[in-house]
N, C-alpha and C. Protein backbone atom coordinates (compact mmCIF):
# COMPACT_ATOMS: atom_id res chain seq x y z
N MET A 1 132.18 162.98 83.35
CA MET A 1 131.97 161.55 83.27
C MET A 1 133.12 160.93 82.48
N ASP A 2 133.73 159.86 83.02
CA ASP A 2 134.89 159.22 82.40
C ASP A 2 134.41 158.12 81.44
N VAL A 3 134.10 158.52 80.20
CA VAL A 3 133.59 157.59 79.20
C VAL A 3 134.78 156.92 78.51
N PRO A 4 134.74 155.59 78.28
CA PRO A 4 135.90 154.88 77.72
C PRO A 4 136.44 155.48 76.41
N HIS A 5 135.56 155.86 75.49
CA HIS A 5 136.09 156.37 74.21
C HIS A 5 136.75 157.74 74.39
N ARG A 6 136.28 158.53 75.36
CA ARG A 6 136.93 159.83 75.61
C ARG A 6 138.29 159.63 76.30
N ARG A 7 138.36 158.67 77.19
CA ARG A 7 139.63 158.35 77.84
C ARG A 7 140.65 157.87 76.80
N LEU A 8 140.20 157.01 75.87
CA LEU A 8 141.08 156.52 74.81
C LEU A 8 141.49 157.67 73.88
N ALA A 9 140.55 158.54 73.54
CA ALA A 9 140.88 159.69 72.69
C ALA A 9 141.95 160.56 73.34
N ALA A 10 141.86 160.77 74.66
CA ALA A 10 142.85 161.58 75.37
C ALA A 10 144.23 160.93 75.30
N MET A 11 144.29 159.61 75.43
CA MET A 11 145.56 158.90 75.37
C MET A 11 146.15 158.97 73.96
N LEU A 12 145.32 158.79 72.93
CA LEU A 12 145.80 158.88 71.55
C LEU A 12 146.23 160.31 71.21
N ARG A 13 145.49 161.28 71.73
CA ARG A 13 145.84 162.70 71.52
C ARG A 13 147.23 162.97 72.10
N GLN A 14 147.50 162.41 73.27
CA GLN A 14 148.81 162.59 73.91
C GLN A 14 149.92 161.95 73.06
N ARG A 15 149.64 160.81 72.47
CA ARG A 15 150.64 160.16 71.60
C ARG A 15 150.96 161.03 70.38
N ILE A 16 149.96 161.74 69.89
CA ILE A 16 150.21 162.66 68.77
C ILE A 16 151.03 163.84 69.27
N ALA A 17 150.69 164.37 70.45
CA ALA A 17 151.39 165.53 71.01
C ALA A 17 152.86 165.23 71.30
N ASP A 18 153.14 164.00 71.78
CA ASP A 18 154.54 163.69 72.12
C ASP A 18 155.29 163.03 70.96
N ALA A 19 154.69 163.07 69.76
CA ALA A 19 155.33 162.59 68.52
C ALA A 19 155.55 161.08 68.48
N THR A 20 154.78 160.33 69.28
CA THR A 20 154.78 158.88 69.10
C THR A 20 154.23 158.57 67.71
N TYR A 21 153.20 159.32 67.31
CA TYR A 21 152.66 159.27 65.95
C TYR A 21 153.06 160.58 65.28
N LEU A 22 153.95 160.50 64.30
CA LEU A 22 154.49 161.70 63.66
C LEU A 22 153.54 162.27 62.61
N PRO A 23 153.55 163.59 62.42
CA PRO A 23 152.73 164.19 61.36
C PRO A 23 153.05 163.57 60.00
N GLY A 24 152.00 163.27 59.26
CA GLY A 24 152.17 162.66 57.93
C GLY A 24 152.23 161.15 57.94
N SER A 25 152.39 160.54 59.14
CA SER A 25 152.48 159.08 59.19
C SER A 25 151.08 158.46 59.25
N LEU A 26 151.00 157.20 58.85
CA LEU A 26 149.73 156.48 58.94
C LEU A 26 149.36 156.30 60.41
N PHE A 27 148.10 156.55 60.70
CA PHE A 27 147.59 156.34 62.05
C PHE A 27 147.13 154.89 62.15
N PRO A 28 147.28 154.25 63.32
CA PRO A 28 146.83 152.86 63.44
C PRO A 28 145.35 152.70 63.08
N SER A 29 145.02 151.55 62.55
CA SER A 29 143.63 151.29 62.19
C SER A 29 142.78 151.16 63.45
N VAL A 30 141.49 151.37 63.29
CA VAL A 30 140.55 151.23 64.41
C VAL A 30 140.64 149.83 65.00
N ARG A 31 140.73 148.84 64.12
CA ARG A 31 140.79 147.45 64.60
C ARG A 31 142.05 147.20 65.43
N SER A 32 143.20 147.74 64.97
CA SER A 32 144.44 147.52 65.72
C SER A 32 144.42 148.26 67.06
N ILE A 33 143.79 149.44 67.09
CA ILE A 33 143.67 150.18 68.36
C ILE A 33 142.80 149.38 69.33
N ALA A 34 141.70 148.83 68.82
CA ALA A 34 140.81 148.03 69.67
C ALA A 34 141.56 146.82 70.24
N GLN A 35 142.35 146.14 69.39
CA GLN A 35 143.10 144.96 69.86
C GLN A 35 144.15 145.36 70.88
N GLU A 36 144.88 146.45 70.62
CA GLU A 36 145.95 146.88 71.53
C GLU A 36 145.41 147.20 72.93
N HIS A 37 144.20 147.78 72.98
CA HIS A 37 143.66 148.24 74.27
C HIS A 37 142.60 147.31 74.85
N GLY A 38 142.33 146.20 74.15
CA GLY A 38 141.36 145.24 74.66
C GLY A 38 139.96 145.81 74.78
N ILE A 39 139.56 146.58 73.79
CA ILE A 39 138.24 147.22 73.80
C ILE A 39 137.49 146.87 72.53
N GLY A 40 136.23 147.26 72.46
CA GLY A 40 135.43 147.01 71.28
C GLY A 40 135.80 147.96 70.14
N VAL A 41 135.54 147.51 68.93
CA VAL A 41 135.82 148.32 67.74
C VAL A 41 135.00 149.61 67.77
N GLY A 42 133.77 149.54 68.26
CA GLY A 42 132.92 150.73 68.33
C GLY A 42 133.51 151.81 69.23
N THR A 43 134.07 151.39 70.36
CA THR A 43 134.71 152.36 71.28
C THR A 43 135.92 152.99 70.61
N ALA A 44 136.74 152.17 69.94
CA ALA A 44 137.91 152.69 69.24
C ALA A 44 137.50 153.64 68.12
N PHE A 45 136.45 153.28 67.39
CA PHE A 45 135.98 154.13 66.30
C PHE A 45 135.54 155.50 66.83
N ARG A 46 134.79 155.52 67.93
CA ARG A 46 134.33 156.80 68.49
C ARG A 46 135.51 157.66 68.94
N ALA A 47 136.54 157.04 69.51
CA ALA A 47 137.73 157.79 69.94
C ALA A 47 138.44 158.40 68.73
N VAL A 48 138.57 157.63 67.67
CA VAL A 48 139.24 158.12 66.45
C VAL A 48 138.42 159.25 65.83
N GLU A 49 137.11 159.14 65.85
CA GLU A 49 136.26 160.20 65.29
C GLU A 49 136.43 161.51 66.05
N ILE A 50 136.65 161.43 67.36
CA ILE A 50 136.91 162.65 68.14
C ILE A 50 138.18 163.34 67.61
N LEU A 51 139.22 162.55 67.36
CA LEU A 51 140.48 163.12 66.86
C LEU A 51 140.32 163.68 65.44
N ARG A 52 139.49 163.03 64.62
CA ARG A 52 139.22 163.57 63.27
C ARG A 52 138.49 164.90 63.39
N THR A 53 137.50 164.98 64.27
CA THR A 53 136.73 166.21 64.45
C THR A 53 137.64 167.34 64.94
N GLU A 54 138.62 167.01 65.76
CA GLU A 54 139.55 168.02 66.27
C GLU A 54 140.60 168.41 65.23
N GLY A 55 140.63 167.72 64.09
CA GLY A 55 141.60 168.05 63.05
C GLY A 55 142.97 167.43 63.27
N LEU A 56 143.09 166.48 64.21
CA LEU A 56 144.38 165.84 64.46
C LEU A 56 144.67 164.72 63.47
N LEU A 57 143.62 164.20 62.84
CA LEU A 57 143.77 163.16 61.83
C LEU A 57 143.11 163.65 60.56
N GLU A 58 143.64 163.21 59.43
CA GLU A 58 143.01 163.59 58.17
C GLU A 58 142.94 162.38 57.25
N GLY A 59 142.06 162.47 56.28
CA GLY A 59 141.83 161.38 55.34
C GLY A 59 140.36 161.12 55.18
N GLU A 60 140.04 160.27 54.23
CA GLU A 60 138.65 159.96 53.95
C GLU A 60 138.15 158.83 54.84
N PRO A 61 136.87 158.87 55.17
CA PRO A 61 136.31 157.78 55.98
C PRO A 61 136.51 156.43 55.29
N ARG A 62 136.65 155.38 56.09
CA ARG A 62 136.81 154.01 55.63
C ARG A 62 138.15 153.76 54.93
N ARG A 63 139.08 154.70 55.05
CA ARG A 63 140.44 154.50 54.55
C ARG A 63 141.39 154.79 55.71
N ARG A 64 142.66 154.39 55.55
CA ARG A 64 143.62 154.67 56.60
C ARG A 64 143.80 156.17 56.75
N LEU A 65 143.79 156.62 57.97
CA LEU A 65 143.97 158.03 58.27
C LEU A 65 145.44 158.32 58.49
N THR A 66 145.83 159.58 58.31
CA THR A 66 147.18 160.01 58.62
C THR A 66 147.12 161.05 59.73
N VAL A 67 148.23 161.18 60.43
CA VAL A 67 148.34 162.20 61.47
C VAL A 67 148.51 163.54 60.75
N ALA A 68 147.68 164.49 61.09
CA ALA A 68 147.70 165.79 60.42
C ALA A 68 148.94 166.58 60.82
N HIS A 69 149.46 167.31 59.86
CA HIS A 69 150.51 168.28 60.17
C HIS A 69 149.86 169.42 60.94
N PRO A 70 150.62 170.11 61.77
CA PRO A 70 150.02 171.26 62.46
C PRO A 70 149.40 172.20 61.43
N VAL A 71 148.22 172.66 61.71
CA VAL A 71 147.48 173.49 60.76
C VAL A 71 148.16 174.85 60.63
N ALA A 72 148.45 175.22 59.38
CA ALA A 72 148.97 176.55 59.10
C ALA A 72 147.77 177.43 58.75
N VAL A 73 147.65 178.53 59.45
CA VAL A 73 146.54 179.44 59.17
C VAL A 73 147.00 180.44 58.11
N ARG A 74 146.26 180.46 57.00
CA ARG A 74 146.58 181.37 55.91
C ARG A 74 145.55 182.49 55.87
N THR A 75 145.94 183.56 55.22
CA THR A 75 145.05 184.71 55.08
C THR A 75 144.64 184.84 53.62
N LEU A 76 143.35 184.85 53.38
CA LEU A 76 142.84 185.11 52.03
C LEU A 76 142.62 186.62 51.93
N SER A 77 143.47 187.27 51.13
CA SER A 77 143.38 188.73 51.02
C SER A 77 142.68 189.18 49.75
N ASP A 78 142.63 188.30 48.73
CA ASP A 78 141.98 188.67 47.47
C ASP A 78 141.26 187.45 46.89
N PRO A 79 139.94 187.36 47.06
CA PRO A 79 139.20 186.19 46.56
C PRO A 79 139.21 186.08 45.03
N ASP A 80 139.68 187.12 44.34
CA ASP A 80 139.70 187.10 42.88
C ASP A 80 141.08 186.77 42.32
N ALA A 81 142.08 186.63 43.17
CA ALA A 81 143.45 186.37 42.70
C ALA A 81 143.57 184.93 42.19
N GLU A 82 144.50 184.73 41.26
CA GLU A 82 144.80 183.39 40.79
C GLU A 82 145.46 182.61 41.91
N TRP A 83 145.15 181.32 42.03
CA TRP A 83 145.71 180.50 43.10
C TRP A 83 147.18 180.23 42.79
N PRO A 84 148.10 180.53 43.71
CA PRO A 84 149.53 180.43 43.39
C PRO A 84 150.13 179.03 43.56
N HIS A 85 149.36 178.10 44.10
CA HIS A 85 149.90 176.76 44.36
C HIS A 85 149.22 175.75 43.43
N GLY A 86 149.40 174.48 43.72
CA GLY A 86 148.92 173.44 42.84
C GLY A 86 147.42 173.22 42.89
N ARG A 87 146.98 172.42 41.94
CA ARG A 87 145.58 172.01 41.87
C ARG A 87 145.52 170.50 41.99
N GLY A 88 144.51 170.03 42.71
CA GLY A 88 144.32 168.60 42.86
C GLY A 88 143.26 168.10 41.90
N ASP A 89 142.41 167.22 42.38
CA ASP A 89 141.36 166.65 41.56
C ASP A 89 140.42 167.74 41.06
N SER A 90 139.94 167.57 39.84
CA SER A 90 138.94 168.50 39.32
C SER A 90 137.90 167.70 38.55
N GLU A 91 136.72 168.27 38.45
CA GLU A 91 135.66 167.62 37.68
C GLU A 91 134.88 168.70 36.94
N HIS A 92 134.47 168.37 35.74
CA HIS A 92 133.66 169.27 34.92
C HIS A 92 132.35 168.57 34.60
N SER A 93 131.27 169.32 34.62
CA SER A 93 129.97 168.75 34.28
C SER A 93 129.04 169.86 33.81
N SER A 94 127.90 169.46 33.30
CA SER A 94 126.86 170.41 32.93
C SER A 94 125.72 170.26 33.92
N ILE A 95 125.17 171.38 34.36
CA ILE A 95 124.05 171.34 35.28
C ILE A 95 123.00 172.35 34.82
N ARG A 96 121.82 172.27 35.39
CA ARG A 96 120.77 173.25 35.14
C ARG A 96 120.78 174.28 36.28
N ALA A 97 120.67 175.53 35.95
CA ALA A 97 120.71 176.59 36.96
C ALA A 97 119.48 176.51 37.86
N ASP A 98 119.72 176.50 39.18
CA ASP A 98 118.61 176.65 40.11
C ASP A 98 118.35 178.15 40.28
N GLU A 99 117.41 178.49 41.14
CA GLU A 99 117.05 179.91 41.29
C GLU A 99 118.22 180.75 41.77
N ALA A 100 119.00 180.22 42.70
CA ALA A 100 120.12 180.99 43.25
C ALA A 100 121.17 181.26 42.17
N LEU A 101 121.56 180.23 41.43
CA LEU A 101 122.56 180.43 40.36
C LEU A 101 122.02 181.29 39.24
N ALA A 102 120.75 181.11 38.91
CA ALA A 102 120.13 181.94 37.86
C ALA A 102 120.20 183.41 38.25
N GLY A 103 119.94 183.71 39.53
CA GLY A 103 120.03 185.08 40.00
C GLY A 103 121.44 185.62 39.97
N ARG A 104 122.41 184.80 40.36
CA ARG A 104 123.81 185.26 40.39
C ARG A 104 124.35 185.49 38.99
N LEU A 105 123.92 184.67 38.02
CA LEU A 105 124.46 184.79 36.67
C LEU A 105 123.53 185.51 35.69
N ASP A 106 122.36 185.93 36.19
CA ASP A 106 121.38 186.63 35.34
C ASP A 106 121.01 185.80 34.11
N VAL A 107 120.66 184.52 34.38
CA VAL A 107 120.22 183.61 33.32
C VAL A 107 118.88 183.02 33.75
N PRO A 108 118.14 182.42 32.82
CA PRO A 108 116.87 181.80 33.19
C PRO A 108 117.08 180.58 34.10
N VAL A 109 116.13 180.33 34.97
CA VAL A 109 116.15 179.10 35.76
C VAL A 109 116.14 177.93 34.79
N ARG A 110 116.95 176.93 35.07
CA ARG A 110 117.12 175.71 34.26
C ARG A 110 118.00 175.93 33.03
N ALA A 111 118.63 177.10 32.91
CA ALA A 111 119.60 177.29 31.83
C ALA A 111 120.76 176.32 32.04
N VAL A 112 121.36 175.84 30.96
CA VAL A 112 122.49 174.91 31.06
C VAL A 112 123.75 175.69 31.42
N LEU A 113 124.41 175.25 32.49
CA LEU A 113 125.66 175.87 32.94
C LEU A 113 126.78 174.84 32.94
N ILE A 114 127.99 175.32 32.76
CA ILE A 114 129.17 174.49 32.93
C ILE A 114 129.60 174.64 34.38
N GLN A 115 129.81 173.52 35.04
CA GLN A 115 130.26 173.53 36.43
C GLN A 115 131.65 172.92 36.50
N GLU A 116 132.55 173.58 37.22
CA GLU A 116 133.89 173.05 37.44
C GLU A 116 134.18 173.08 38.93
N ARG A 117 134.59 171.94 39.47
CA ARG A 117 134.97 171.86 40.89
C ARG A 117 136.44 171.46 40.95
N VAL A 118 137.24 172.23 41.70
CA VAL A 118 138.68 172.01 41.77
C VAL A 118 139.14 172.05 43.22
N GLU A 119 140.01 171.11 43.59
CA GLU A 119 140.71 171.17 44.87
C GLU A 119 141.91 172.08 44.68
N LEU A 120 142.03 173.11 45.48
CA LEU A 120 143.21 173.96 45.44
C LEU A 120 144.11 173.52 46.58
N LEU A 121 145.38 173.26 46.27
CA LEU A 121 146.31 172.66 47.21
C LEU A 121 147.21 173.70 47.87
N ASP A 122 147.62 173.40 49.11
CA ASP A 122 148.57 174.29 49.78
C ASP A 122 149.99 173.97 49.27
N PRO A 123 151.01 174.70 49.69
CA PRO A 123 152.36 174.44 49.19
C PRO A 123 152.88 173.03 49.47
N ASP A 124 152.30 172.36 50.47
CA ASP A 124 152.71 170.98 50.79
C ASP A 124 151.92 169.94 50.00
N GLY A 125 151.03 170.39 49.11
CA GLY A 125 150.27 169.45 48.29
C GLY A 125 149.02 168.91 48.95
N ARG A 126 148.60 169.49 50.08
CA ARG A 126 147.37 169.05 50.74
C ARG A 126 146.22 169.97 50.37
N PRO A 127 144.98 169.45 50.35
CA PRO A 127 143.84 170.32 50.01
C PRO A 127 143.72 171.51 50.95
N ALA A 128 143.67 172.71 50.37
CA ALA A 128 143.56 173.93 51.16
C ALA A 128 142.15 174.50 51.11
N MET A 129 141.50 174.38 49.95
CA MET A 129 140.13 174.86 49.79
C MET A 129 139.53 174.22 48.55
N LEU A 130 138.22 174.35 48.41
CA LEU A 130 137.51 173.89 47.22
C LEU A 130 136.97 175.09 46.48
N LEU A 131 137.07 175.05 45.16
CA LEU A 131 136.50 176.09 44.31
C LEU A 131 135.51 175.43 43.37
N THR A 132 134.27 175.87 43.41
CA THR A 132 133.25 175.41 42.46
C THR A 132 132.78 176.63 41.69
N ALA A 133 132.93 176.57 40.35
CA ALA A 133 132.59 177.72 39.51
C ALA A 133 131.54 177.30 38.49
N TRP A 134 130.69 178.27 38.12
CA TRP A 134 129.64 178.05 37.12
C TRP A 134 129.69 179.18 36.10
N ARG A 135 129.49 178.83 34.85
CA ARG A 135 129.43 179.85 33.79
C ARG A 135 128.52 179.34 32.68
N ARG A 136 128.10 180.26 31.83
CA ARG A 136 127.16 179.91 30.75
C ARG A 136 127.86 179.25 29.57
N GLY A 137 129.05 179.68 29.22
CA GLY A 137 129.78 179.13 28.07
C GLY A 137 131.26 179.13 28.33
N ALA A 138 132.02 179.59 27.34
CA ALA A 138 133.48 179.62 27.45
C ALA A 138 133.91 180.63 28.52
N VAL A 139 135.11 180.43 29.04
CA VAL A 139 135.67 181.37 30.02
C VAL A 139 135.82 182.73 29.36
N GLN A 140 135.38 183.78 30.07
CA GLN A 140 135.48 185.14 29.56
C GLN A 140 136.35 185.98 30.48
N VAL A 141 137.01 186.96 29.87
CA VAL A 141 137.79 187.91 30.66
C VAL A 141 136.82 188.73 31.50
N HIS A 142 137.19 188.97 32.74
CA HIS A 142 136.32 189.77 33.60
C HIS A 142 137.01 191.07 33.99
N ALA A 143 136.21 192.08 34.28
CA ALA A 143 136.74 193.40 34.62
C ALA A 143 136.61 193.70 36.10
N SER A 144 135.66 193.06 36.77
CA SER A 144 135.46 193.32 38.19
C SER A 144 134.92 192.07 38.87
N CYS A 145 134.86 192.16 40.18
CA CYS A 145 134.42 191.01 40.98
C CYS A 145 133.73 191.53 42.24
N ARG A 146 132.68 190.84 42.64
CA ARG A 146 132.00 191.14 43.90
C ARG A 146 131.89 189.84 44.68
N TYR A 147 131.94 189.95 45.98
CA TYR A 147 131.87 188.74 46.80
C TYR A 147 131.22 189.03 48.14
N SER A 148 130.74 187.95 48.73
CA SER A 148 130.19 188.00 50.08
C SER A 148 130.71 186.78 50.82
N VAL A 149 130.69 186.86 52.16
CA VAL A 149 131.23 185.78 52.99
C VAL A 149 130.20 185.40 54.03
N ARG A 150 130.09 184.10 54.28
CA ARG A 150 129.25 183.62 55.37
C ARG A 150 129.84 182.33 55.90
N THR A 151 129.39 181.91 57.07
CA THR A 151 129.85 180.63 57.59
C THR A 151 129.06 179.51 56.90
N HIS A 152 129.65 178.33 56.93
CA HIS A 152 129.12 177.21 56.16
C HIS A 152 129.56 175.93 56.87
N THR A 153 128.70 174.93 56.87
CA THR A 153 129.05 173.62 57.41
C THR A 153 129.38 172.70 56.25
N LEU A 154 130.54 172.02 56.32
CA LEU A 154 130.96 171.16 55.22
C LEU A 154 129.92 170.08 54.92
N THR A 155 129.62 169.91 53.64
CA THR A 155 128.75 168.83 53.21
C THR A 155 129.57 167.53 53.16
N ARG A 156 128.92 166.43 52.94
CA ARG A 156 129.61 165.14 52.83
C ARG A 156 130.66 165.18 51.72
N THR A 157 130.29 165.67 50.53
CA THR A 157 131.24 165.72 49.40
C THR A 157 132.42 166.62 49.73
N GLU A 158 132.14 167.80 50.28
CA GLU A 158 133.22 168.74 50.61
C GLU A 158 134.15 168.15 51.66
N ALA A 159 133.58 167.54 52.68
CA ALA A 159 134.39 166.94 53.74
C ALA A 159 135.27 165.83 53.18
N ASP A 160 134.72 164.98 52.33
CA ASP A 160 135.50 163.89 51.74
C ASP A 160 136.63 164.43 50.88
N LEU A 161 136.36 165.46 50.06
CA LEU A 161 137.39 166.02 49.19
C LEU A 161 138.50 166.70 49.98
N LEU A 162 138.15 167.32 51.08
CA LEU A 162 139.15 168.01 51.91
C LEU A 162 139.79 167.10 52.95
N GLY A 163 139.26 165.87 53.09
CA GLY A 163 139.79 164.96 54.10
C GLY A 163 139.50 165.41 55.51
N LEU A 164 138.34 166.04 55.69
CA LEU A 164 137.96 166.59 57.00
C LEU A 164 136.64 165.99 57.46
N PRO A 165 136.31 166.13 58.74
CA PRO A 165 135.06 165.55 59.24
C PRO A 165 133.82 166.25 58.69
N LEU A 166 132.79 165.48 58.46
CA LEU A 166 131.50 166.01 58.05
C LEU A 166 131.00 166.97 59.12
N GLY A 167 130.47 168.10 58.70
CA GLY A 167 129.90 169.05 59.64
C GLY A 167 130.88 170.07 60.19
N MET A 168 132.15 169.99 59.78
CA MET A 168 133.14 170.95 60.26
C MET A 168 132.78 172.34 59.73
N LEU A 169 133.09 173.36 60.52
CA LEU A 169 132.78 174.73 60.15
C LEU A 169 133.75 175.23 59.07
N ALA A 170 133.22 175.97 58.10
CA ALA A 170 134.02 176.53 57.02
C ALA A 170 133.55 177.95 56.74
N LEU A 171 134.35 178.65 55.96
CA LEU A 171 133.97 179.96 55.43
C LEU A 171 133.57 179.74 53.98
N LEU A 172 132.48 180.35 53.57
CA LEU A 172 132.03 180.25 52.18
C LEU A 172 132.10 181.65 51.58
N VAL A 173 132.97 181.79 50.57
CA VAL A 173 133.10 183.05 49.84
C VAL A 173 132.34 182.88 48.53
N GLU A 174 131.27 183.62 48.36
CA GLU A 174 130.50 183.60 47.11
C GLU A 174 131.01 184.73 46.23
N ARG A 175 131.64 184.36 45.13
CA ARG A 175 132.29 185.34 44.25
C ARG A 175 131.58 185.37 42.90
N THR A 176 131.33 186.56 42.39
CA THR A 176 130.76 186.71 41.05
C THR A 176 131.65 187.67 40.26
N ARG A 177 132.04 187.24 39.07
CA ARG A 177 132.88 188.05 38.18
C ARG A 177 132.01 188.69 37.12
N TYR A 178 132.38 189.94 36.76
CA TYR A 178 131.57 190.73 35.81
C TYR A 178 132.42 191.21 34.64
N SER A 179 131.77 191.34 33.49
CA SER A 179 132.42 191.85 32.29
C SER A 179 132.56 193.37 32.38
N VAL A 180 133.20 193.97 31.38
CA VAL A 180 133.32 195.43 31.31
C VAL A 180 131.94 196.07 31.29
N ALA A 181 130.96 195.40 30.66
CA ALA A 181 129.59 195.92 30.59
C ALA A 181 128.80 195.63 31.86
N ASP A 182 129.48 195.12 32.90
CA ASP A 182 128.87 194.82 34.20
C ASP A 182 127.84 193.70 34.12
N SER A 183 128.07 192.73 33.21
CA SER A 183 127.23 191.54 33.14
C SER A 183 127.97 190.39 33.82
N PRO A 184 127.28 189.57 34.61
CA PRO A 184 127.96 188.46 35.27
C PRO A 184 128.45 187.42 34.25
N VAL A 185 129.72 187.00 34.40
CA VAL A 185 130.28 186.01 33.48
C VAL A 185 130.64 184.71 34.19
N GLU A 186 130.76 184.76 35.53
CA GLU A 186 131.07 183.54 36.28
C GLU A 186 130.65 183.73 37.73
N ALA A 187 130.09 182.69 38.30
CA ALA A 187 129.82 182.65 39.75
C ALA A 187 130.67 181.52 40.32
N ALA A 188 131.17 181.71 41.52
CA ALA A 188 132.01 180.68 42.14
C ALA A 188 131.81 180.70 43.65
N ASP A 189 131.94 179.52 44.24
CA ASP A 189 131.95 179.36 45.69
C ASP A 189 133.32 178.84 46.10
N LEU A 190 133.96 179.52 47.04
CA LEU A 190 135.22 179.07 47.62
C LEU A 190 134.91 178.59 49.02
N VAL A 191 135.21 177.33 49.30
CA VAL A 191 134.96 176.74 50.61
C VAL A 191 136.30 176.59 51.33
N LEU A 192 136.47 177.31 52.43
CA LEU A 192 137.73 177.37 53.17
C LEU A 192 137.52 176.84 54.58
N PRO A 193 138.20 175.75 54.98
CA PRO A 193 138.05 175.26 56.35
C PRO A 193 138.37 176.37 57.35
N ALA A 194 137.50 176.60 58.30
CA ALA A 194 137.62 177.74 59.20
C ALA A 194 138.83 177.66 60.11
N ASP A 195 139.36 176.45 60.36
CA ASP A 195 140.53 176.35 61.23
C ASP A 195 141.83 176.63 60.49
N ARG A 196 141.76 176.80 59.15
CA ARG A 196 142.97 177.00 58.35
C ARG A 196 143.04 178.36 57.68
N TRP A 197 141.96 179.12 57.80
CA TRP A 197 141.89 180.38 57.05
C TRP A 197 141.38 181.53 57.91
N GLN A 198 141.90 182.69 57.61
CA GLN A 198 141.32 183.93 58.09
C GLN A 198 141.19 184.87 56.89
N LEU A 199 140.32 185.83 57.00
CA LEU A 199 140.06 186.74 55.89
C LEU A 199 140.77 188.07 56.13
N GLY A 200 141.37 188.58 55.06
CA GLY A 200 142.12 189.82 55.19
C GLY A 200 141.65 190.88 54.20
N PHE A 201 140.35 190.90 53.93
CA PHE A 201 139.84 191.93 52.99
C PHE A 201 138.62 192.59 53.57
């Protein structure tokens, strides 16, 4: 079925492919696309959302989008390694442990935890993954690490921080660090967009 917003999305996709819209450049606003093509704003919005879902555009909703650079697929070979590139926005807060975190950190439910969320950036300065870590007190040296991996759908907050569409598929690495005495000292979730990462461990 030849739906107007899909036809428009195909035309805009072609403009990205033939470099009419260059990677890193501002993408036209929904309103300007609607005016250029003599269509409704709703039709233009749906076409642009298709391109965001495909990863051709990046940025936060309700702000100007940019044309995405071709996605570089990286390999995560060690979930416990220090991140070698830059860090973006970070936030620190105190939260109460729910049952899952209490189990991972071997603390009582509702124990006060320090939570840190950090955007880890790729070499070009764009968000590559999100790291959210929880611990009981000060950072402690760890002797070992255990992790598990599962698929995950980006939440609204994660999608906004990564500049990706809500509901996009990601990999979730649940990492727990242990002391020499084999007591958990930190739990962390690494959220990696599935189109940008593969696992090598």
